[in-house]
């Protein structure tokens, strides 16, 4: 298992993984199509952001992407695991890698907008809900979550 920087030529594979992962939660095909633009990872996006992929035996398992939001906040824009690997610890491995990369930075917290199905995953990793964001689906909200970054943070708590 390796976690390495994503390159431009990964854009199509990462996008397809994102769509498979999102589809895991039984959203309709129509809904997935409505989200296709925001689920698409372009070469330009890869150039402009920090994106890392988890690979096992040349197989793309998952990825995450982040960018600074302010002087103190860093935003985790994406964290997706291929649907056939969800629940096997790869999401946690990606999160551990992400937190290791930023632990000695100037950032004080990680923020993210979670899919409602992922809220428990992030909560188990120490995130807490600080708000909600209206979704494109009627009467559905995305939890806005945060995790304080401590310079000596060495592990994720269950």
N, C-alpha and C. Protein backbone atom coordinates (compact mmCIF):
# COMPACT_ATOMS: atom_id res chain seq x y z
N UNK A 1 0.86 -1.18 0.00
CA UNK A 1 0.00 0.00 0.00
C UNK A 1 0.89 1.23 0.00
N UNK A 2 0.64 2.13 -0.95
CA UNK A 2 1.37 3.40 -0.98
C UNK A 2 0.36 4.53 -1.11
N UNK A 3 0.73 5.66 -0.54
CA UNK A 3 -0.05 6.88 -0.72
C UNK A 3 0.90 7.87 -1.37
N UNK A 4 0.52 8.31 -2.56
CA UNK A 4 1.40 9.15 -3.36
C UNK A 4 0.61 10.28 -4.00
N UNK A 5 1.34 11.27 -4.43
CA UNK A 5 0.72 12.43 -5.07
C UNK A 5 0.00 12.01 -6.36
N UNK A 6 -1.18 12.53 -6.56
CA UNK A 6 -1.95 12.29 -7.78
C UNK A 6 -1.37 13.17 -8.89
N UNK A 7 -1.34 12.63 -10.11
CA UNK A 7 -0.84 13.38 -11.26
C UNK A 7 -1.98 13.62 -12.24
N UNK A 8 -1.76 14.55 -13.18
CA UNK A 8 -2.82 14.95 -14.12
C UNK A 8 -3.48 13.77 -14.81
N UNK A 9 -2.69 12.79 -15.20
CA UNK A 9 -3.25 11.66 -15.95
C UNK A 9 -4.16 10.78 -15.09
N UNK A 10 -4.20 11.02 -13.78
CA UNK A 10 -5.10 10.28 -12.89
C UNK A 10 -6.51 10.86 -12.86
N UNK A 11 -6.73 12.00 -13.49
CA UNK A 11 -8.01 12.71 -13.36
C UNK A 11 -9.21 11.83 -13.68
N UNK A 12 -9.18 11.11 -14.77
CA UNK A 12 -10.32 10.28 -15.16
C UNK A 12 -10.55 9.15 -14.15
N UNK A 13 -9.48 8.46 -13.75
CA UNK A 13 -9.61 7.35 -12.80
C UNK A 13 -10.12 7.83 -11.44
N UNK A 14 -9.63 8.97 -10.99
CA UNK A 14 -10.06 9.51 -9.69
C UNK A 14 -11.53 9.92 -9.76
N UNK A 15 -11.93 10.52 -10.88
CA UNK A 15 -13.33 10.91 -11.05
C UNK A 15 -14.24 9.68 -11.04
N UNK A 16 -13.87 8.64 -11.77
CA UNK A 16 -14.68 7.43 -11.81
C UNK A 16 -14.78 6.78 -10.42
N UNK A 17 -13.68 6.79 -9.68
CA UNK A 17 -13.70 6.26 -8.31
C UNK A 17 -14.66 7.08 -7.45
N UNK A 18 -14.61 8.40 -7.59
CA UNK A 18 -15.49 9.28 -6.81
C UNK A 18 -16.96 8.95 -7.08
N UNK A 19 -17.30 8.75 -8.32
CA UNK A 19 -18.69 8.45 -8.68
C UNK A 19 -19.09 7.07 -8.16
N UNK A 20 -18.20 6.08 -8.27
CA UNK A 20 -18.52 4.75 -7.71
C UNK A 20 -18.71 4.83 -6.20
N UNK A 21 -17.84 5.58 -5.55
CA UNK A 21 -17.92 5.71 -4.09
C UNK A 21 -19.22 6.39 -3.67
N UNK A 22 -19.56 7.47 -4.32
CA UNK A 22 -20.80 8.20 -3.99
C UNK A 22 -22.02 7.32 -4.26
N UNK A 23 -21.95 6.54 -5.33
CA UNK A 23 -23.07 5.66 -5.70
C UNK A 23 -23.28 4.55 -4.68
N UNK A 24 -22.26 4.24 -3.90
CA UNK A 24 -22.35 3.20 -2.87
C UNK A 24 -23.52 3.44 -1.91
N UNK A 25 -23.86 4.71 -1.72
CA UNK A 25 -24.89 5.08 -0.74
C UNK A 25 -26.29 5.10 -1.35
N UNK A 26 -26.47 4.43 -2.46
CA UNK A 26 -27.77 4.25 -3.09
C UNK A 26 -28.46 5.54 -3.54
N UNK A 27 -27.65 6.54 -3.91
CA UNK A 27 -28.24 7.70 -4.55
C UNK A 27 -28.70 7.27 -5.94
N UNK A 28 -29.76 7.87 -6.43
CA UNK A 28 -30.26 7.50 -7.76
C UNK A 28 -29.25 7.90 -8.83
N UNK A 29 -29.35 7.23 -9.97
CA UNK A 29 -28.48 7.58 -11.10
C UNK A 29 -28.71 9.02 -11.51
N UNK A 30 -29.96 9.45 -11.44
CA UNK A 30 -30.29 10.84 -11.78
C UNK A 30 -29.57 11.81 -10.84
N UNK A 31 -29.58 11.49 -9.54
CA UNK A 31 -28.92 12.36 -8.57
C UNK A 31 -27.41 12.39 -8.82
N UNK A 32 -26.81 11.24 -9.06
CA UNK A 32 -25.37 11.18 -9.34
C UNK A 32 -25.05 12.04 -10.56
N UNK A 33 -25.88 11.97 -11.59
CA UNK A 33 -25.66 12.77 -12.80
C UNK A 33 -25.76 14.26 -12.47
N UNK A 34 -26.68 14.63 -11.60
CA UNK A 34 -26.80 16.04 -11.20
C UNK A 34 -25.54 16.51 -10.47
N UNK A 35 -24.88 15.60 -9.78
CA UNK A 35 -23.66 15.93 -9.04
C UNK A 35 -22.39 15.75 -9.87
N UNK A 36 -22.51 15.21 -11.08
CA UNK A 36 -21.33 14.82 -11.86
C UNK A 36 -20.28 15.94 -11.93
N UNK A 37 -20.70 17.16 -12.17
CA UNK A 37 -19.73 18.25 -12.31
C UNK A 37 -18.92 18.44 -11.01
N UNK A 38 -19.60 18.43 -9.87
CA UNK A 38 -18.86 18.63 -8.62
C UNK A 38 -18.08 17.39 -8.18
N UNK A 39 -18.40 16.24 -8.75
CA UNK A 39 -17.66 15.01 -8.46
C UNK A 39 -16.51 14.78 -9.44
N UNK A 40 -16.40 15.64 -10.44
CA UNK A 40 -15.35 15.50 -11.45
C UNK A 40 -14.06 16.16 -10.98
N UNK A 41 -13.00 15.39 -11.03
CA UNK A 41 -11.66 15.89 -10.69
C UNK A 41 -10.94 16.15 -12.00
N UNK A 42 -10.66 17.40 -12.28
CA UNK A 42 -10.02 17.78 -13.54
C UNK A 42 -8.50 17.85 -13.38
N UNK A 43 -7.83 17.87 -14.51
CA UNK A 43 -6.38 18.06 -14.49
C UNK A 43 -6.03 19.39 -13.84
N UNK A 44 -6.81 20.41 -14.11
CA UNK A 44 -6.59 21.73 -13.50
C UNK A 44 -6.71 21.65 -11.98
N UNK A 45 -7.74 20.94 -11.50
CA UNK A 45 -7.91 20.78 -10.06
C UNK A 45 -6.70 20.08 -9.45
N UNK A 46 -6.21 19.04 -10.12
CA UNK A 46 -5.03 18.32 -9.63
C UNK A 46 -3.83 19.25 -9.58
N UNK A 47 -3.68 20.11 -10.58
CA UNK A 47 -2.57 21.08 -10.60
C UNK A 47 -2.63 22.07 -9.45
N UNK A 48 -3.84 22.46 -9.08
CA UNK A 48 -4.01 23.58 -8.14
C UNK A 48 -4.22 23.16 -6.69
N UNK A 49 -4.33 21.86 -6.42
CA UNK A 49 -4.63 21.40 -5.07
C UNK A 49 -3.70 20.27 -4.65
N UNK A 50 -3.75 19.96 -3.39
CA UNK A 50 -2.99 18.83 -2.85
C UNK A 50 -3.88 17.60 -2.92
N UNK A 51 -3.52 16.63 -3.75
CA UNK A 51 -4.31 15.42 -3.91
C UNK A 51 -3.39 14.21 -3.82
N UNK A 52 -3.78 13.28 -2.96
CA UNK A 52 -2.97 12.07 -2.74
C UNK A 52 -3.85 10.85 -2.91
N UNK A 53 -3.30 9.83 -3.56
CA UNK A 53 -4.05 8.60 -3.85
C UNK A 53 -3.43 7.42 -3.12
N UNK A 54 -4.29 6.49 -2.74
CA UNK A 54 -3.88 5.24 -2.10
C UNK A 54 -3.93 4.17 -3.18
N UNK A 55 -2.79 3.48 -3.36
CA UNK A 55 -2.67 2.48 -4.41
C UNK A 55 -2.15 1.18 -3.80
N UNK A 56 -2.77 0.07 -4.21
CA UNK A 56 -2.29 -1.26 -3.83
C UNK A 56 -2.14 -2.06 -5.13
N UNK A 57 -0.94 -2.56 -5.37
CA UNK A 57 -0.68 -3.34 -6.58
C UNK A 57 -1.22 -2.66 -7.84
N UNK A 58 -0.91 -1.39 -7.98
CA UNK A 58 -1.31 -0.57 -9.14
C UNK A 58 -2.81 -0.33 -9.23
N UNK A 59 -3.56 -0.70 -8.19
CA UNK A 59 -5.01 -0.50 -8.16
C UNK A 59 -5.32 0.73 -7.29
N UNK A 60 -6.04 1.69 -7.87
CA UNK A 60 -6.44 2.89 -7.14
C UNK A 60 -7.56 2.51 -6.16
N UNK A 61 -7.31 2.71 -4.87
CA UNK A 61 -8.25 2.34 -3.81
C UNK A 61 -9.03 3.56 -3.31
N UNK A 62 -8.36 4.71 -3.21
CA UNK A 62 -9.01 5.90 -2.70
C UNK A 62 -8.11 7.10 -2.85
N UNK A 63 -8.61 8.27 -2.42
CA UNK A 63 -7.82 9.49 -2.51
C UNK A 63 -8.40 10.54 -1.57
N UNK A 64 -7.60 11.56 -1.33
CA UNK A 64 -8.10 12.74 -0.62
C UNK A 64 -7.50 13.97 -1.26
N UNK A 65 -8.17 15.11 -1.06
CA UNK A 65 -7.71 16.39 -1.60
C UNK A 65 -7.99 17.47 -0.57
N UNK A 66 -7.06 18.41 -0.49
CA UNK A 66 -7.23 19.50 0.46
C UNK A 66 -6.61 20.78 -0.06
N UNK A 67 -6.99 21.87 0.59
CA UNK A 67 -6.42 23.18 0.26
C UNK A 67 -6.60 24.11 1.45
N UNK A 68 -5.72 25.09 1.57
CA UNK A 68 -5.90 26.08 2.64
C UNK A 68 -7.21 26.85 2.44
N UNK A 69 -7.89 27.09 3.53
CA UNK A 69 -9.14 27.84 3.50
C UNK A 69 -8.91 29.25 4.04
N UNK A 70 -8.01 29.35 5.00
CA UNK A 70 -7.64 30.62 5.61
C UNK A 70 -6.26 30.42 6.25
N UNK A 71 -5.80 31.40 7.00
CA UNK A 71 -4.50 31.26 7.66
C UNK A 71 -4.50 30.15 8.71
N UNK A 72 -5.67 29.86 9.27
CA UNK A 72 -5.74 28.87 10.34
C UNK A 72 -6.50 27.59 9.98
N UNK A 73 -7.25 27.63 8.87
CA UNK A 73 -8.10 26.49 8.50
C UNK A 73 -7.64 25.84 7.20
N UNK A 74 -7.71 24.54 7.20
CA UNK A 74 -7.44 23.77 5.98
C UNK A 74 -8.70 22.98 5.68
N UNK A 75 -9.09 22.94 4.41
CA UNK A 75 -10.34 22.28 4.02
C UNK A 75 -10.03 20.95 3.35
N UNK A 76 -10.63 19.90 3.88
CA UNK A 76 -10.57 18.59 3.25
C UNK A 76 -11.73 18.56 2.26
N UNK A 77 -11.40 18.72 0.97
CA UNK A 77 -12.43 18.82 -0.07
C UNK A 77 -12.99 17.47 -0.46
N UNK A 78 -12.14 16.47 -0.49
CA UNK A 78 -12.56 15.13 -0.91
C UNK A 78 -11.83 14.10 -0.07
N UNK A 79 -12.53 13.03 0.27
CA UNK A 79 -11.93 11.80 0.77
C UNK A 79 -12.88 10.70 0.33
N UNK A 80 -12.42 9.94 -0.67
CA UNK A 80 -13.25 8.88 -1.23
C UNK A 80 -12.48 7.58 -1.30
N UNK A 81 -13.19 6.50 -1.05
CA UNK A 81 -12.65 5.15 -1.18
C UNK A 81 -13.55 4.43 -2.18
N UNK A 82 -12.95 3.67 -3.08
CA UNK A 82 -13.73 2.91 -4.06
C UNK A 82 -14.76 2.06 -3.32
N UNK A 83 -15.94 1.99 -3.88
CA UNK A 83 -17.06 1.34 -3.19
C UNK A 83 -16.75 -0.09 -2.74
N UNK A 84 -15.97 -0.85 -3.49
CA UNK A 84 -15.69 -2.23 -3.10
C UNK A 84 -14.69 -2.33 -1.94
N UNK A 85 -14.11 -1.19 -1.54
CA UNK A 85 -13.15 -1.19 -0.44
C UNK A 85 -13.65 -0.41 0.78
N UNK A 86 -14.87 0.12 0.73
CA UNK A 86 -15.43 0.86 1.87
C UNK A 86 -15.58 -0.08 3.06
N UNK A 87 -15.22 0.39 4.24
CA UNK A 87 -15.35 -0.40 5.46
C UNK A 87 -14.18 -1.31 5.75
N UNK A 88 -13.09 -1.16 5.01
CA UNK A 88 -11.91 -2.02 5.20
C UNK A 88 -10.71 -1.28 5.79
N UNK A 89 -10.93 -0.05 6.25
CA UNK A 89 -9.86 0.69 6.91
C UNK A 89 -9.06 1.63 6.01
N UNK A 90 -9.39 1.67 4.74
CA UNK A 90 -8.62 2.52 3.82
C UNK A 90 -8.94 4.01 4.00
N UNK A 91 -10.17 4.33 4.35
CA UNK A 91 -10.51 5.72 4.63
C UNK A 91 -9.72 6.24 5.81
N UNK A 92 -9.62 5.43 6.84
CA UNK A 92 -8.83 5.82 8.01
C UNK A 92 -7.36 5.97 7.64
N UNK A 93 -6.84 5.07 6.81
CA UNK A 93 -5.44 5.17 6.37
C UNK A 93 -5.21 6.48 5.62
N UNK A 94 -6.15 6.86 4.77
CA UNK A 94 -6.03 8.13 4.06
C UNK A 94 -6.06 9.30 5.03
N UNK A 95 -6.95 9.24 6.03
CA UNK A 95 -7.04 10.34 6.99
C UNK A 95 -5.77 10.45 7.83
N UNK A 96 -5.22 9.31 8.24
CA UNK A 96 -3.97 9.33 9.01
C UNK A 96 -2.86 9.98 8.18
N UNK A 97 -2.78 9.62 6.90
CA UNK A 97 -1.77 10.21 6.03
C UNK A 97 -1.97 11.72 5.91
N UNK A 98 -3.21 12.14 5.69
CA UNK A 98 -3.53 13.56 5.59
C UNK A 98 -3.10 14.31 6.85
N UNK A 99 -3.48 13.79 8.02
CA UNK A 99 -3.14 14.48 9.27
C UNK A 99 -1.64 14.51 9.51
N UNK A 100 -0.93 13.47 9.10
CA UNK A 100 0.53 13.47 9.21
C UNK A 100 1.13 14.57 8.35
N UNK A 101 0.60 14.78 7.16
CA UNK A 101 1.13 15.79 6.25
C UNK A 101 0.95 17.21 6.80
N UNK A 102 -0.11 17.44 7.54
CA UNK A 102 -0.40 18.81 7.99
C UNK A 102 -0.11 19.06 9.46
N UNK A 103 0.31 18.05 10.19
CA UNK A 103 0.38 18.18 11.66
C UNK A 103 1.34 19.27 12.14
N UNK A 104 2.38 19.57 11.42
CA UNK A 104 3.31 20.60 11.86
C UNK A 104 3.17 21.89 11.06
N UNK A 105 2.02 22.08 10.47
CA UNK A 105 1.75 23.29 9.68
C UNK A 105 1.22 24.38 10.59
N UNK A 106 0.95 25.53 9.99
CA UNK A 106 0.38 26.66 10.74
C UNK A 106 -1.12 26.51 10.97
N UNK A 107 -1.73 25.51 10.36
CA UNK A 107 -3.18 25.36 10.46
C UNK A 107 -3.60 24.86 11.84
N UNK A 108 -4.74 25.37 12.29
CA UNK A 108 -5.25 25.03 13.62
C UNK A 108 -6.43 24.06 13.57
N UNK A 109 -7.08 23.98 12.40
CA UNK A 109 -8.20 23.05 12.30
C UNK A 109 -8.43 22.63 10.86
N UNK A 110 -9.03 21.44 10.75
CA UNK A 110 -9.49 20.90 9.47
C UNK A 110 -10.99 21.10 9.44
N UNK A 111 -11.50 21.56 8.32
CA UNK A 111 -12.94 21.67 8.15
C UNK A 111 -13.34 20.86 6.92
N UNK A 112 -14.58 20.39 6.91
CA UNK A 112 -15.09 19.64 5.75
C UNK A 112 -16.60 19.67 5.76
N UNK A 113 -17.16 19.45 4.57
CA UNK A 113 -18.60 19.28 4.40
C UNK A 113 -18.79 17.79 4.11
N UNK A 114 -19.39 17.08 5.03
CA UNK A 114 -19.50 15.62 4.92
C UNK A 114 -20.81 15.21 4.24
N UNK A 115 -20.73 14.12 3.50
CA UNK A 115 -21.96 13.47 3.08
C UNK A 115 -22.62 12.96 4.36
N UNK A 116 -23.93 13.04 4.49
CA UNK A 116 -24.57 12.54 5.72
C UNK A 116 -24.20 11.09 6.05
N UNK A 117 -23.95 10.27 5.03
CA UNK A 117 -23.56 8.88 5.27
C UNK A 117 -22.16 8.76 5.87
N UNK A 118 -21.34 9.80 5.74
CA UNK A 118 -19.96 9.76 6.23
C UNK A 118 -19.79 10.43 7.59
N UNK A 119 -20.85 11.00 8.13
CA UNK A 119 -20.75 11.73 9.40
C UNK A 119 -20.19 10.84 10.52
N UNK A 120 -20.67 9.61 10.63
CA UNK A 120 -20.19 8.71 11.70
C UNK A 120 -18.71 8.40 11.52
N UNK A 121 -18.28 8.20 10.27
CA UNK A 121 -16.86 7.94 9.99
C UNK A 121 -16.00 9.08 10.52
N UNK A 122 -16.36 10.31 10.18
CA UNK A 122 -15.57 11.46 10.63
C UNK A 122 -15.67 11.65 12.14
N UNK A 123 -16.83 11.41 12.71
CA UNK A 123 -16.99 11.54 14.17
C UNK A 123 -16.08 10.57 14.91
N UNK A 124 -15.96 9.34 14.41
CA UNK A 124 -15.06 8.36 15.04
C UNK A 124 -13.61 8.80 14.97
N UNK A 125 -13.28 9.67 14.03
CA UNK A 125 -11.91 10.15 13.87
C UNK A 125 -11.67 11.45 14.64
N UNK A 126 -12.66 11.89 15.39
CA UNK A 126 -12.48 13.07 16.24
C UNK A 126 -13.11 14.35 15.73
N UNK A 127 -13.74 14.31 14.57
CA UNK A 127 -14.42 15.50 14.05
C UNK A 127 -15.72 15.74 14.80
N UNK A 128 -16.13 16.99 14.83
CA UNK A 128 -17.42 17.32 15.43
C UNK A 128 -18.19 18.23 14.49
N UNK A 129 -19.51 18.12 14.56
CA UNK A 129 -20.39 18.93 13.71
C UNK A 129 -20.44 20.34 14.27
N UNK A 130 -20.24 21.33 13.37
CA UNK A 130 -20.29 22.74 13.79
C UNK A 130 -21.35 23.53 13.02
N UNK A 131 -22.03 22.85 12.11
CA UNK A 131 -23.07 23.53 11.34
C UNK A 131 -23.63 22.58 10.30
N UNK A 132 -24.47 23.13 9.44
CA UNK A 132 -25.03 22.32 8.37
C UNK A 132 -25.16 23.17 7.11
N UNK A 133 -25.04 22.49 5.99
CA UNK A 133 -25.08 23.13 4.68
C UNK A 133 -26.23 22.53 3.90
N UNK A 134 -27.09 23.39 3.35
CA UNK A 134 -28.23 22.91 2.57
C UNK A 134 -27.71 22.16 1.35
N UNK A 135 -28.30 21.03 1.10
CA UNK A 135 -27.93 20.16 -0.02
C UNK A 135 -28.81 20.46 -1.22
N UNK A 136 -28.40 19.93 -2.37
CA UNK A 136 -29.23 20.07 -3.57
C UNK A 136 -30.46 19.15 -3.50
N UNK A 137 -30.47 18.22 -2.55
CA UNK A 137 -31.62 17.34 -2.34
C UNK A 137 -32.54 18.00 -1.31
N UNK A 138 -33.83 18.07 -1.62
CA UNK A 138 -34.79 18.71 -0.74
C UNK A 138 -34.75 18.09 0.66
N UNK A 139 -34.75 18.96 1.68
CA UNK A 139 -34.78 18.57 3.09
C UNK A 139 -33.55 17.74 3.52
N UNK A 140 -32.45 17.89 2.84
CA UNK A 140 -31.22 17.17 3.18
C UNK A 140 -30.12 18.21 3.44
N UNK A 141 -29.35 17.98 4.49
CA UNK A 141 -28.27 18.89 4.85
C UNK A 141 -26.97 18.12 5.00
N UNK A 142 -25.88 18.78 4.67
CA UNK A 142 -24.55 18.20 4.86
C UNK A 142 -24.00 18.71 6.18
N UNK A 143 -23.51 17.83 7.04
CA UNK A 143 -22.88 18.31 8.26
C UNK A 143 -21.55 19.01 7.93
N UNK A 144 -21.39 20.19 8.46
CA UNK A 144 -20.10 20.89 8.39
C UNK A 144 -19.35 20.46 9.64
N UNK A 145 -18.15 19.92 9.46
CA UNK A 145 -17.43 19.33 10.58
C UNK A 145 -16.04 19.94 10.72
N UNK A 146 -15.51 19.86 11.94
CA UNK A 146 -14.16 20.37 12.19
C UNK A 146 -13.39 19.41 13.07
N UNK A 147 -12.08 19.51 12.95
CA UNK A 147 -11.15 18.78 13.81
C UNK A 147 -10.03 19.74 14.15
N UNK A 148 -9.83 19.96 15.45
CA UNK A 148 -8.71 20.80 15.87
C UNK A 148 -7.41 20.05 15.62
N UNK A 149 -6.43 20.77 15.11
CA UNK A 149 -5.12 20.18 14.85
C UNK A 149 -4.21 20.54 16.01
N UNK A 150 -3.67 19.51 16.61
CA UNK A 150 -2.72 19.72 17.69
C UNK A 150 -1.34 19.29 17.17
N UNK A 151 -0.33 20.12 17.33
CA UNK A 151 0.99 19.80 16.79
C UNK A 151 1.53 18.45 17.24
N UNK A 152 1.12 17.98 18.40
CA UNK A 152 1.64 16.69 18.90
C UNK A 152 0.70 15.53 18.60
N UNK A 153 -0.34 15.79 17.82
CA UNK A 153 -1.31 14.73 17.49
C UNK A 153 -0.58 13.62 16.74
N UNK A 154 -0.60 12.42 17.30
CA UNK A 154 0.06 11.29 16.68
C UNK A 154 -0.89 10.19 16.25
N UNK A 155 -2.12 10.24 16.76
CA UNK A 155 -3.05 9.18 16.38
C UNK A 155 -4.47 9.72 16.33
N UNK A 156 -5.29 8.96 15.70
CA UNK A 156 -6.72 9.28 15.60
C UNK A 156 -7.44 8.44 16.65
N UNK A 157 -8.35 9.08 17.34
CA UNK A 157 -9.08 8.39 18.40
C UNK A 157 -10.34 7.77 17.83
N UNK A 158 -10.71 6.62 18.38
CA UNK A 158 -11.96 5.98 17.98
C UNK A 158 -13.08 6.46 18.84
